[in-house]
Protein backbone atom coordinates (compact mmCIF):
# COMPACT_ATOMS: atom_id res chain seq x y z
CA UNK A 1 -26.65 32.07 10.16
CA UNK A 2 -25.71 34.51 13.06
CA UNK A 3 -22.18 33.81 14.86
CA UNK A 4 -21.70 34.10 18.54
CA UNK A 5 -18.36 34.04 20.45
CA UNK A 6 -18.90 32.93 23.88
CA UNK A 7 -16.25 34.02 26.92
CA UNK A 8 -16.13 34.35 30.39
CA UNK A 9 -15.21 38.12 30.28
CA UNK A 10 -15.39 39.90 27.15
CA UNK A 11 -13.79 42.85 28.57
CA UNK A 12 -10.44 40.95 29.02
CA UNK A 13 -10.77 38.99 25.95
CA UNK A 14 -7.52 39.70 23.90
CA UNK A 15 -8.88 39.19 20.42
CA UNK A 16 -11.29 41.09 18.04
CA UNK A 17 -12.86 39.69 14.97
CA UNK A 18 -14.88 42.05 12.63
CA UNK A 19 -18.33 41.09 12.42
CA UNK A 20 -18.69 38.32 15.04
CA UNK A 21 -20.54 39.28 18.59
CA UNK A 22 -18.75 38.50 21.46
CA UNK A 23 -20.97 37.78 24.35
CA UNK A 24 -20.43 36.67 27.86
CA UNK A 25 -20.99 33.26 29.26
CA UNK A 26 -23.68 34.17 31.91
CA UNK A 27 -25.58 36.52 29.47
CA UNK A 28 -25.61 33.55 27.11
CA UNK A 29 -27.18 31.20 29.74
CA UNK A 30 -29.66 33.66 31.43
CA UNK A 31 -30.62 36.09 29.04
CA UNK A 32 -34.01 34.53 27.60
CA UNK A 33 -33.64 36.54 24.22
CA UNK A 34 -30.78 34.10 23.42
CA UNK A 35 -33.03 31.03 23.91
CA UNK A 36 -35.33 32.19 21.59
CA UNK A 37 -33.00 32.82 18.70
CA UNK A 38 -32.52 30.28 15.82
CA UNK A 39 -29.81 29.76 13.66
CA UNK A 40 -27.08 30.74 15.80
CA UNK A 41 -23.82 29.39 15.69
CA UNK A 42 -21.96 29.33 19.16
CA UNK A 43 -18.19 29.39 19.42
CA UNK A 44 -17.52 28.48 22.90
CA UNK A 45 -14.08 30.13 24.04
CA UNK A 46 -14.76 30.01 27.76
CA UNK A 47 -11.78 29.39 29.95
CA UNK A 48 -12.77 26.08 31.51
CA UNK A 49 -15.32 23.07 30.13
CA UNK A 50 -15.23 21.47 33.52
CA UNK A 51 -18.20 19.58 34.69
CA UNK A 52 -21.07 21.94 35.50
CA UNK A 53 -18.56 25.14 35.02
CA UNK A 54 -19.96 28.07 32.57
CA UNK A 55 -17.94 26.78 29.98
CA UNK A 56 -19.83 23.24 29.97
CA UNK A 57 -23.03 24.52 30.56
CA UNK A 58 -22.89 26.84 27.17
CA UNK A 59 -21.93 24.06 25.35
CA UNK A 60 -24.81 22.03 26.88
CA UNK A 61 -27.28 24.81 26.44
CA UNK A 62 -26.51 25.65 23.16
CA UNK A 63 -27.31 21.87 22.06
CA UNK A 64 -30.41 22.12 23.43
CA UNK A 65 -31.61 25.10 21.56
CA UNK A 66 -29.99 24.10 18.71
CA UNK A 67 -27.33 26.38 18.28
CA UNK A 68 -24.88 23.78 17.25
CA UNK A 69 -22.02 24.63 19.76
CA UNK A 70 -18.09 24.25 19.00
CA UNK A 71 -16.80 22.09 20.92
CA UNK A 72 -20.03 20.12 21.63
CA UNK A 73 -20.05 18.44 25.12
CA UNK A 74 -19.45 15.37 23.27
CA UNK A 75 -15.78 17.15 22.02
CA UNK A 76 -15.27 18.35 25.53
CA UNK A 77 -15.63 14.86 27.01
CA UNK A 78 -13.76 13.43 24.25
CA UNK A 79 -10.53 15.63 24.88
CA UNK A 80 -10.43 14.15 28.67
CA UNK A 81 -10.71 10.83 27.55
CA UNK A 82 -7.09 8.95 27.13
CA UNK A 83 -8.68 6.10 25.48
CA UNK A 84 -10.49 8.57 22.88
CA UNK A 85 -7.18 10.24 22.62
CA UNK A 86 -5.29 6.86 21.90
CA UNK A 87 -7.82 6.12 19.01
CA UNK A 88 -7.17 9.44 17.48
CA UNK A 89 -3.43 9.25 17.91
CA UNK A 90 -3.47 5.71 16.20
CA UNK A 91 -5.69 7.32 13.30
CA UNK A 92 -3.31 10.26 12.89
CA UNK A 93 -0.04 8.31 13.52
CA UNK A 94 1.32 8.61 9.74
CA UNK A 95 0.26 12.23 9.77
CA UNK A 96 2.35 12.69 12.95
CA UNK A 97 5.23 10.86 11.60
CA UNK A 98 5.64 12.98 8.53
CA UNK A 99 4.67 16.32 9.98
CA UNK A 100 7.16 15.80 12.99
CA UNK A 101 10.04 14.46 10.99
CA UNK A 102 11.88 17.64 11.40
CA UNK A 103 11.61 18.12 14.95
CA UNK A 104 14.77 17.03 16.68
CA UNK A 105 13.19 17.47 20.82
CA UNK A 106 11.21 14.47 22.21
CA UNK A 107 8.60 16.43 22.77
CA UNK A 108 6.28 18.96 20.67
CA UNK A 109 3.18 21.05 21.15
CA UNK A 110 1.15 22.08 18.38
CA UNK A 111 -1.42 25.00 18.40
CA UNK A 112 -4.46 24.58 16.17
CA UNK A 113 -6.59 28.08 15.54
CA UNK A 114 -9.46 27.47 13.51
CA UNK A 115 -8.41 24.43 11.95
CA UNK A 116 -5.00 25.99 11.08
CA UNK A 117 -1.48 25.95 12.56
CA UNK A 118 1.06 28.25 12.27
CA UNK A 119 3.86 25.87 10.46
CA UNK A 120 2.24 25.20 6.87
CA UNK A 121 3.74 21.95 7.01
CA UNK A 122 1.72 20.86 9.76
CA UNK A 123 -1.92 21.94 8.01
CA UNK A 124 -2.91 18.29 7.58
CA UNK A 125 -2.23 17.13 10.92
CA UNK A 126 -3.72 20.55 12.42
CA UNK A 127 -7.16 19.81 10.05
CA UNK A 128 -7.13 16.06 10.85
CA UNK A 129 -7.07 16.94 14.64
CA UNK A 130 -9.91 19.66 14.08
CA UNK A 131 -11.77 17.24 12.47
CA UNK A 132 -11.77 14.77 15.68
CA UNK A 133 -12.21 17.61 18.16
CA UNK A 134 -14.08 20.01 16.93
CA UNK A 135 -13.17 23.14 18.65
CA UNK A 136 -12.07 26.57 17.64
CA UNK A 137 -8.66 26.74 19.81
CA UNK A 138 -6.86 23.46 20.21
CA UNK A 139 -3.67 22.54 21.92
CA UNK A 140 -1.99 18.71 20.99
CA UNK A 141 0.97 17.41 23.00
CA UNK A 142 3.19 14.58 21.23
CA UNK A 143 6.00 12.82 22.74
CA UNK A 144 8.37 10.71 20.84
CA UNK A 145 8.24 7.20 22.24
CA UNK A 146 11.89 5.28 21.72
CA UNK A 147 9.84 2.29 19.91
CA UNK A 148 6.48 3.83 18.62
CA UNK A 149 7.63 6.93 17.45
CA UNK A 150 5.68 10.07 17.93
CA UNK A 151 2.47 9.51 19.76
CA UNK A 152 -0.53 12.27 20.66
CA UNK A 153 -0.34 12.50 24.53
CA UNK A 154 -3.05 14.96 25.02
CA UNK A 155 -5.15 17.60 23.51
CA UNK A 156 -7.34 20.10 25.16
CA UNK A 157 -8.97 23.63 24.40
CA UNK A 158 -6.88 26.70 24.52
CA UNK A 159 -8.18 29.53 26.88
CA UNK A 160 -8.21 33.02 25.17
CA UNK A 161 -5.46 34.42 27.79
CA UNK A 162 -3.13 31.49 26.88
CA UNK A 163 -2.70 32.42 23.50
CA UNK A 164 0.73 33.97 22.80
CA UNK A 165 0.63 37.64 21.88
CA UNK A 166 2.96 36.68 19.09
CA UNK A 167 0.14 34.33 17.56
CA UNK A 168 -2.72 36.70 18.02
CA UNK A 169 -2.72 38.18 14.68
CA UNK A 170 -2.82 34.63 13.17
CA UNK A 171 -5.65 33.89 15.02
CA UNK A 172 -7.73 36.58 14.06
CA UNK A 173 -7.13 35.62 10.58
CA UNK A 174 -7.64 32.27 10.72
CA UNK A 175 -10.74 33.24 12.36
CA UNK A 176 -12.07 35.55 9.95
CA UNK A 177 -11.32 33.19 6.86
CA UNK A 178 -13.04 30.56 8.69
CA UNK A 179 -15.94 32.49 9.42
CA UNK A 180 -16.19 34.21 5.72
CA UNK A 181 -16.83 30.50 4.46
CA UNK A 182 -20.08 30.05 2.56
CA UNK A 183 -21.77 28.23 5.43
CA UNK A 184 -21.56 31.51 7.67
CA UNK A 185 -22.80 33.60 4.69
CA UNK A 186 -26.67 34.19 3.85
CA UNK A 187 -28.05 31.15 1.89
CA UNK A 188 -27.68 31.66 -1.90
CA UNK A 189 -31.21 30.69 -2.18
CA UNK A 190 -34.08 32.58 -0.67
CA UNK A 191 -36.28 29.68 -0.52
CA UNK A 192 -33.52 27.44 1.57
CA UNK A 193 -34.96 26.46 5.01
CA UNK A 194 -32.51 23.93 5.71
CA UNK A 195 -28.92 22.87 4.45
CA UNK A 196 -27.77 19.84 3.31
CA UNK A 197 -24.31 18.02 3.01
CA UNK A 198 -23.21 16.09 -0.03
CA UNK A 199 -20.49 13.89 0.67
CA UNK A 200 -18.40 13.12 -2.15
CA UNK A 201 -14.83 12.07 -3.29
CA UNK A 202 -13.71 13.91 -6.39
CA UNK A 203 -10.98 11.17 -6.88
CA UNK A 204 -13.06 8.21 -7.03
CA UNK A 205 -12.62 6.43 -9.86
CA UNK A 206 -16.38 4.63 -9.93
CA UNK A 207 -18.19 6.77 -7.47
CA UNK A 208 -21.73 6.14 -6.88
CA UNK A 209 -22.61 9.26 -8.64
CA UNK A 210 -21.40 10.89 -11.51
CA UNK A 211 -20.87 14.90 -11.69
CA UNK A 212 -24.15 15.51 -13.95
CA UNK A 213 -25.81 13.50 -10.85
CA UNK A 214 -24.39 15.36 -8.36
CA UNK A 215 -25.13 18.80 -9.81
CA UNK A 216 -28.50 17.39 -10.21
CA UNK A 217 -28.90 16.72 -6.90
CA UNK A 218 -27.76 20.20 -6.02
CA UNK A 219 -30.69 21.51 -8.21
CA UNK A 220 -33.29 19.48 -6.58
CA UNK A 221 -32.16 20.42 -3.36
CA UNK A 222 -32.98 23.98 -3.84
CA UNK A 223 -36.16 23.32 -5.52
CA UNK A 224 -37.49 21.66 -2.15
CA UNK A 225 -36.15 24.13 0.30
CA UNK A 226 -32.37 23.14 0.84
CA UNK A 227 -28.95 24.48 0.34
CA UNK A 228 -27.20 21.71 -1.01
CA UNK A 229 -23.32 21.78 -1.12
CA UNK A 230 -20.68 19.24 -2.01
CA UNK A 231 -18.42 18.26 0.88
CA UNK A 232 -15.61 15.97 0.83
CA UNK A 233 -13.73 14.19 4.00
CA UNK A 234 -11.48 17.24 4.57
CA UNK A 235 -14.89 18.46 6.00
CA UNK A 236 -15.34 16.21 8.59
CA UNK A 237 -15.26 19.24 11.26
CA UNK A 238 -18.09 21.16 9.73
CA UNK A 239 -21.03 18.50 10.22
CA UNK A 240 -22.74 20.32 12.56
CA UNK A 241 -22.95 23.09 10.56
CA UNK A 242 -25.66 21.26 8.18
CA UNK A 243 -29.11 19.71 8.72
CA UNK A 244 -28.65 16.87 6.91
CA UNK A 245 -25.93 14.47 5.34
CA UNK A 246 -26.34 12.66 1.99
CA UNK A 247 -23.18 10.40 1.17
CA UNK A 248 -22.24 10.31 -2.16
CA UNK A 249 -19.14 8.30 -1.93
CA UNK A 250 -18.54 4.26 -1.65
CA UNK A 251 -19.32 3.19 2.05
CA UNK A 252 -17.63 0.71 4.28
CA UNK A 253 -17.42 0.09 8.05
CA UNK A 254 -13.73 1.16 8.11
CA UNK A 255 -13.89 4.21 6.44
CA UNK A 256 -14.46 7.36 6.76
CA UNK A 257 -17.96 7.29 5.35
CA UNK A 258 -18.82 5.41 8.55
CA UNK A 259 -17.25 8.05 10.96
CA UNK A 260 -19.20 10.65 9.09
CA UNK A 261 -22.43 8.77 9.11
CA UNK A 262 -22.07 8.34 12.69
CA UNK A 263 -20.88 11.87 13.75
CA UNK A 264 -23.49 12.93 11.76
CA UNK A 265 -25.94 11.10 13.29
CA UNK A 266 -24.84 11.57 16.84
CA UNK A 267 -25.02 15.59 16.00
CA UNK A 268 -28.62 15.29 15.18
CA UNK A 269 -28.68 15.14 11.58
CA UNK A 270 -30.67 13.63 9.24
CA UNK A 271 -28.34 11.19 7.30
CA UNK A 272 -28.44 8.69 4.25
CA UNK A 273 -26.85 6.67 4.33
CA UNK A 274 -27.19 5.99 7.99
CA UNK A 275 -24.51 4.15 10.00
CA UNK A 276 -26.90 0.96 10.62
CA UNK A 277 -27.48 0.70 7.21
CA UNK A 278 -23.94 0.62 6.29
CA UNK A 279 -23.39 -1.88 8.66
CA UNK A 280 -26.04 -4.20 7.67
CA UNK A 281 -25.59 -3.59 4.05
CA UNK A 282 -21.85 -3.85 4.09
CA UNK A 283 -21.95 -7.81 5.73
CA UNK A 284 -23.28 -10.45 3.25
CA UNK A 285 -23.28 -12.81 6.33
CA UNK A 286 -25.79 -10.67 8.28
CA UNK A 287 -27.73 -10.36 4.93
CA UNK A 288 -27.99 -13.96 4.23
CA UNK A 289 -29.32 -14.58 7.95
CA UNK A 290 -31.76 -11.91 7.87
CA UNK A 291 -33.20 -12.32 4.65
CA UNK A 292 -33.35 -16.21 5.11
CA UNK A 293 -35.08 -16.09 8.68
CA UNK A 294 -37.77 -13.66 7.16
CA UNK A 295 -38.71 -15.80 4.10
CA UNK A 296 -37.30 -13.41 1.61
CA UNK A 297 -36.73 -15.34 -1.50
CA UNK A 298 -32.96 -16.20 -2.00
CA UNK A 299 -30.67 -18.45 -3.81
CA UNK A 300 -29.74 -21.51 -2.14
CA UNK A 301 -27.26 -20.12 0.75
CA UNK A 302 -24.80 -21.33 3.27
CA UNK A 303 -23.16 -19.69 5.76
CA UNK A 304 -19.52 -21.37 5.31
CA UNK A 305 -16.87 -21.54 8.27
CA UNK A 306 -13.86 -24.14 8.96
CA UNK A 307 -16.12 -26.99 10.46
CA UNK A 308 -18.36 -27.09 7.13
CA UNK A 309 -16.35 -26.43 4.13
CA UNK A 310 -16.25 -30.36 3.07
CA UNK A 311 -20.50 -29.59 2.77
CA UNK A 312 -20.13 -26.63 0.21
CA UNK A 313 -20.06 -28.34 -3.23
CA UNK A 314 -22.41 -31.17 -2.10
CA UNK A 315 -24.98 -29.03 -0.97
CA UNK A 316 -24.99 -26.10 -3.50
CA UNK A 317 -23.13 -27.90 -6.63
CA UNK A 318 -20.72 -26.70 -8.69
CA UNK A 319 -20.07 -24.40 -9.92
CA UNK A 320 -20.91 -21.81 -6.89
CA UNK A 321 -20.26 -18.23 -5.74
CA UNK A 322 -18.58 -17.20 -2.83
CA UNK A 323 -18.66 -13.83 -1.16
CA UNK A 324 -16.70 -12.59 1.37
CA UNK A 325 -18.62 -10.53 3.85
CA UNK A 326 -17.71 -6.88 2.81
CA UNK A 327 -17.95 -7.37 -0.76
CA UNK A 328 -19.37 -4.71 -2.87
CA UNK A 329 -19.43 -3.84 -6.85
CA UNK A 330 -18.62 -7.38 -7.90
CA UNK A 331 -15.46 -7.14 -5.69
CA UNK A 332 -14.57 -9.97 -3.25
CA UNK A 333 -17.25 -12.02 -5.42
CA UNK A 334 -15.96 -15.11 -7.30
CA UNK A 335 -17.42 -18.34 -9.06
CA UNK A 336 -15.62 -21.59 -8.61
CA UNK A 337 -16.14 -24.29 -10.96
CA UNK A 338 -13.65 -27.41 -9.20
CA UNK A 339 -13.43 -28.86 -5.92
CA UNK A 340 -9.70 -27.46 -5.86
CA UNK A 341 -10.94 -24.04 -6.93
CA UNK A 342 -13.49 -24.08 -4.00
CA UNK A 343 -10.71 -25.28 -1.30
CA UNK A 344 -7.96 -22.64 -2.29
CA UNK A 345 -10.62 -20.03 -2.43
CA UNK A 346 -12.50 -20.68 1.10
CA UNK A 347 -8.84 -21.29 2.51
CA UNK A 348 -8.09 -17.43 1.51
CA UNK A 349 -11.51 -16.11 2.11
CA UNK A 350 -11.17 -18.11 5.92
CA UNK A 351 -7.93 -16.21 6.60
CA UNK A 352 -9.47 -12.91 6.59
CA UNK A 353 -12.89 -13.70 7.94
CA UNK A 354 -14.41 -16.62 10.19
CA UNK A 355 -17.48 -16.67 8.32
CA UNK A 356 -18.44 -16.56 4.37
CA UNK A 357 -21.07 -16.49 2.33
CA UNK A 358 -21.72 -19.52 -0.30
CA UNK A 359 -24.37 -19.07 -2.83
CA UNK A 360 -25.57 -21.51 -5.80
CA UNK A 361 -24.66 -20.01 -8.98
CA UNK A 362 -27.84 -19.26 -11.45
CA UNK A 363 -26.93 -17.69 -14.83
CA UNK A 364 -28.90 -14.57 -16.02
CA UNK A 365 -28.85 -12.55 -18.52
CA UNK A 366 -29.40 -9.46 -16.28
CA UNK A 367 -29.67 -8.47 -12.60
CA UNK A 368 -32.67 -6.65 -11.66
CA UNK A 369 -31.89 -3.41 -9.52
CA UNK A 370 -34.35 -1.75 -7.71
CA UNK A 371 -33.80 1.61 -6.12
CA UNK A 372 -36.08 1.83 -2.66
CA UNK A 373 -36.63 4.84 -0.61
CA UNK A 374 -38.10 5.40 2.70
CA UNK A 375 -39.52 1.76 2.14
CA UNK A 376 -41.00 2.56 -0.98
CA UNK A 377 -40.09 1.73 -4.85
CA UNK A 378 -37.84 4.68 -6.75
CA UNK A 379 -36.49 3.23 -9.98
CA UNK A 380 -36.20 -0.13 -11.43
CA UNK A 381 -33.52 -1.06 -14.17
CA UNK A 382 -32.08 -4.43 -15.49
CA UNK A 383 -28.48 -4.43 -15.38
CA UNK A 384 -26.77 -7.00 -17.85
CA UNK A 385 -23.63 -8.92 -17.75
CA UNK A 386 -20.51 -7.53 -18.82
CA UNK A 387 -20.03 -8.96 -22.32
CA UNK A 388 -18.48 -12.81 -21.98
CA UNK A 389 -18.80 -12.47 -18.31
CA UNK A 390 -21.23 -13.78 -15.48
CA UNK A 391 -21.02 -10.23 -13.67
CA UNK A 392 -22.17 -6.85 -14.28
CA UNK A 393 -18.56 -5.61 -14.15
CA UNK A 394 -15.75 -7.24 -15.41
CA UNK A 395 -12.50 -6.09 -13.99
CA UNK A 396 -8.95 -6.84 -15.40
CA UNK A 397 -6.31 -4.82 -13.84
CA UNK A 398 -6.94 -1.27 -13.70
CA UNK A 399 -9.69 -1.50 -16.56
CA UNK A 400 -13.27 -2.66 -16.08
CA UNK A 401 -16.11 -3.36 -18.98
CA UNK A 402 -19.45 -2.63 -17.46
CA UNK A 403 -22.77 -4.33 -19.12
CA UNK A 404 -25.51 -2.32 -20.53
CA UNK A 405 -28.08 -0.60 -18.22
CA UNK A 406 -31.76 -0.78 -18.95
CA UNK A 407 -34.00 1.33 -17.09
CA UNK A 408 -37.76 1.06 -16.47
CA UNK A 409 -40.67 2.77 -14.86
CA UNK A 410 -41.34 0.79 -11.72
CA UNK A 411 -45.09 0.51 -12.54
CA UNK A 412 -43.17 -1.69 -15.74
CA UNK A 413 -41.18 -3.74 -13.63
CA UNK A 414 -42.54 -7.42 -12.53
CA UNK A 415 -44.68 -7.20 -9.44
CA UNK A 416 -43.26 -9.81 -7.80
CA UNK A 417 -39.90 -8.63 -8.06
CA UNK A 418 -40.54 -4.91 -6.85
CA UNK A 419 -41.99 -6.64 -4.07
CA UNK A 420 -39.36 -9.02 -3.23
CA UNK A 421 -36.80 -5.88 -3.42
CA UNK A 422 -38.94 -3.75 -0.80
CA UNK A 423 -39.24 -6.61 1.55
CA UNK A 424 -35.25 -6.95 1.41
CA UNK A 425 -34.77 -3.19 2.05
CA UNK A 426 -37.13 -2.88 4.36
CA UNK A 427 -35.15 -5.49 6.74
CA UNK A 428 -32.06 -3.55 6.23
CA UNK A 429 -33.74 0.10 7.44
CA UNK A 430 -35.50 3.04 5.95
CA UNK A 431 -32.80 4.55 3.91
CA UNK A 432 -31.95 4.15 0.22
CA UNK A 433 -31.17 0.99 -1.24
CA UNK A 434 -30.52 -0.68 -4.11
CA UNK A 435 -31.43 -4.16 -4.32
CA UNK A 436 -30.15 -7.11 -6.63
CA UNK A 437 -32.62 -9.84 -7.63
CA UNK A 438 -32.38 -12.69 -10.52
CA UNK A 439 -35.66 -13.35 -12.06
CA UNK A 440 -36.37 -17.11 -13.44
CA UNK A 441 -39.78 -16.83 -14.94
CA UNK A 442 -42.21 -16.12 -12.35
CA UNK A 443 -39.90 -16.93 -9.43
CA UNK A 444 -37.10 -14.38 -8.58
CA UNK A 445 -34.60 -14.31 -5.82
CA UNK A 446 -32.56 -11.34 -3.94
CA UNK A 447 -29.02 -11.49 -4.01
CA UNK A 448 -28.03 -8.51 -2.07
CA UNK A 449 -29.40 -5.20 -0.92
CA UNK A 450 -26.79 -2.27 -0.94
CA UNK A 451 -26.71 0.76 0.39
CA UNK A 452 -25.23 3.84 -1.60
CA UNK A 453 -26.74 2.50 -4.83
CA UNK A 454 -25.51 3.92 -7.99
CA UNK A 455 -27.41 6.98 -9.06
CA UNK A 456 -26.02 7.99 -12.18
CA UNK A 457 -27.21 10.74 -14.74
CA UNK A 458 -27.77 9.25 -17.87
CA UNK A 459 -28.41 5.46 -16.61
CA UNK A 460 -30.93 5.16 -13.04
CA UNK A 461 -32.23 8.66 -14.05
CA UNK A 462 -33.59 7.90 -17.62
CA UNK A 463 -36.94 7.45 -16.93
CA UNK A 464 -37.81 9.89 -14.00
CA UNK A 465 -35.13 12.14 -15.20
CA UNK A 466 -34.88 15.42 -12.48
CA UNK A 467 -37.76 13.99 -10.76
CA UNK A 468 -35.54 11.17 -9.25
CA UNK A 469 -33.32 13.77 -7.66
CA UNK A 470 -36.20 15.75 -6.11
CA UNK A 471 -37.90 12.94 -4.87
CA UNK A 472 -34.66 12.13 -2.68
CA UNK A 473 -34.40 15.81 -1.96
CA UNK A 474 -37.95 15.97 -0.58
CA UNK A 475 -37.64 12.99 1.25
CA UNK A 476 -34.85 14.53 3.13
CA UNK A 477 -36.76 17.80 3.72
CA UNK A 478 -39.63 15.59 5.62
CA UNK A 479 -36.99 14.07 7.55
CA UNK A 480 -35.58 17.19 8.78
CA UNK A 481 -38.97 18.89 9.48
CA UNK A 482 -40.40 15.65 11.50
CA UNK A 483 -37.11 15.75 13.58
CA UNK A 484 -37.31 19.49 14.30
CA UNK A 485 -41.05 19.34 14.85
CA UNK A 486 -41.84 20.04 18.44
CA UNK A 487 -43.10 16.96 20.27
CA UNK A 488 -46.89 16.78 20.96
CA UNK A 489 -47.34 17.13 24.50
CA UNK A 490 -48.70 13.53 26.23
């Protein structure tokens, strides 16, 4: 990937970063050769990003050319919006409090150069701001409120002529280290055509993919022409450097994974799990409504609110199962066996959410899990209940006990189970899902559709082996190529 630093006047630019081309803004905008070049990374360091200024048009046309600018027009507009600044201020409030605790004055200015501050104590705060506002040179202003403490009051790009002379060696060093990152180096694999970010959390207790599976994804990516790189939540500011994002840490709507998915989709990346899938799969109320309305077989189900709590036992019987809307991995799901347990559980759940899902309890030895990718079945497993428990996971404090997993070829699973899983998944989207079902002889019921399903080495891959990972990576390649293909003229 070639790197350009675009400025108003190269002859007046005060910094020299070895190995990086310096280009005049007018040249970048008017020279046809730039429009024809692919794989460029444009760092827009113009003096102004005002509407329809040179700086504005550099970022706008860089996006049109697929050059992945920093900052993007979206970022430029976000820095101008006080509403956006207030939201970011709330997100980084704790970091601000810790970083600025030693400051004695009531105002503070923080300069962020390629994601780095001069003072080491501000590193986490600087990185967080850089992740939110992806611009190479940033200046953030904070003010201490007597009641609310430190608040971010504004953030803007730093023109090159405003970089203090004493800071310039540090800025050059920060830029060199930033550009030396592997993402700006030639790809390790000569066959790689595109770049894939695999978001994971090395500290997650029960991640959706274990370390062996993550390594298998990286190898499979290379086999189909992708350069796969494992990233973490600290790499939010680098998303625009990739062609696709694969989320392999547990997702939630009120979580950084949703922000990653939304930012990646807005930047034109192929994303699994996409934001819509996260929203739909995360909420059991939505699933109960959409599955029931489309005739997908589900257990007897009620959407419970404060006005119908008295009807639950009569309509579903006891015991029954209660689910908080955003429950996942058996957490937030409870079985109640008496009217008093039902009353107490609903009272607690309705304090957190206006709606709760209640379902008839049907004991089975195992649940089916059918993996569905792009609307087609991918794998099939039987997840057996944890010993002595009614769920596949039995949690006791910090300990968890899991039932055994039996993996089958999709062709060996009951056809009606696979058909129901595919129907249910297609109502959520066209991504990667794990559909849980219960089977009763020739009948089956869909329990729920999960985004971000478990794909662990030694379990879900027992039948397909490395082919499981290759098929998922091949799906990414197909989507990237369709996205990048020129649209046919009408």
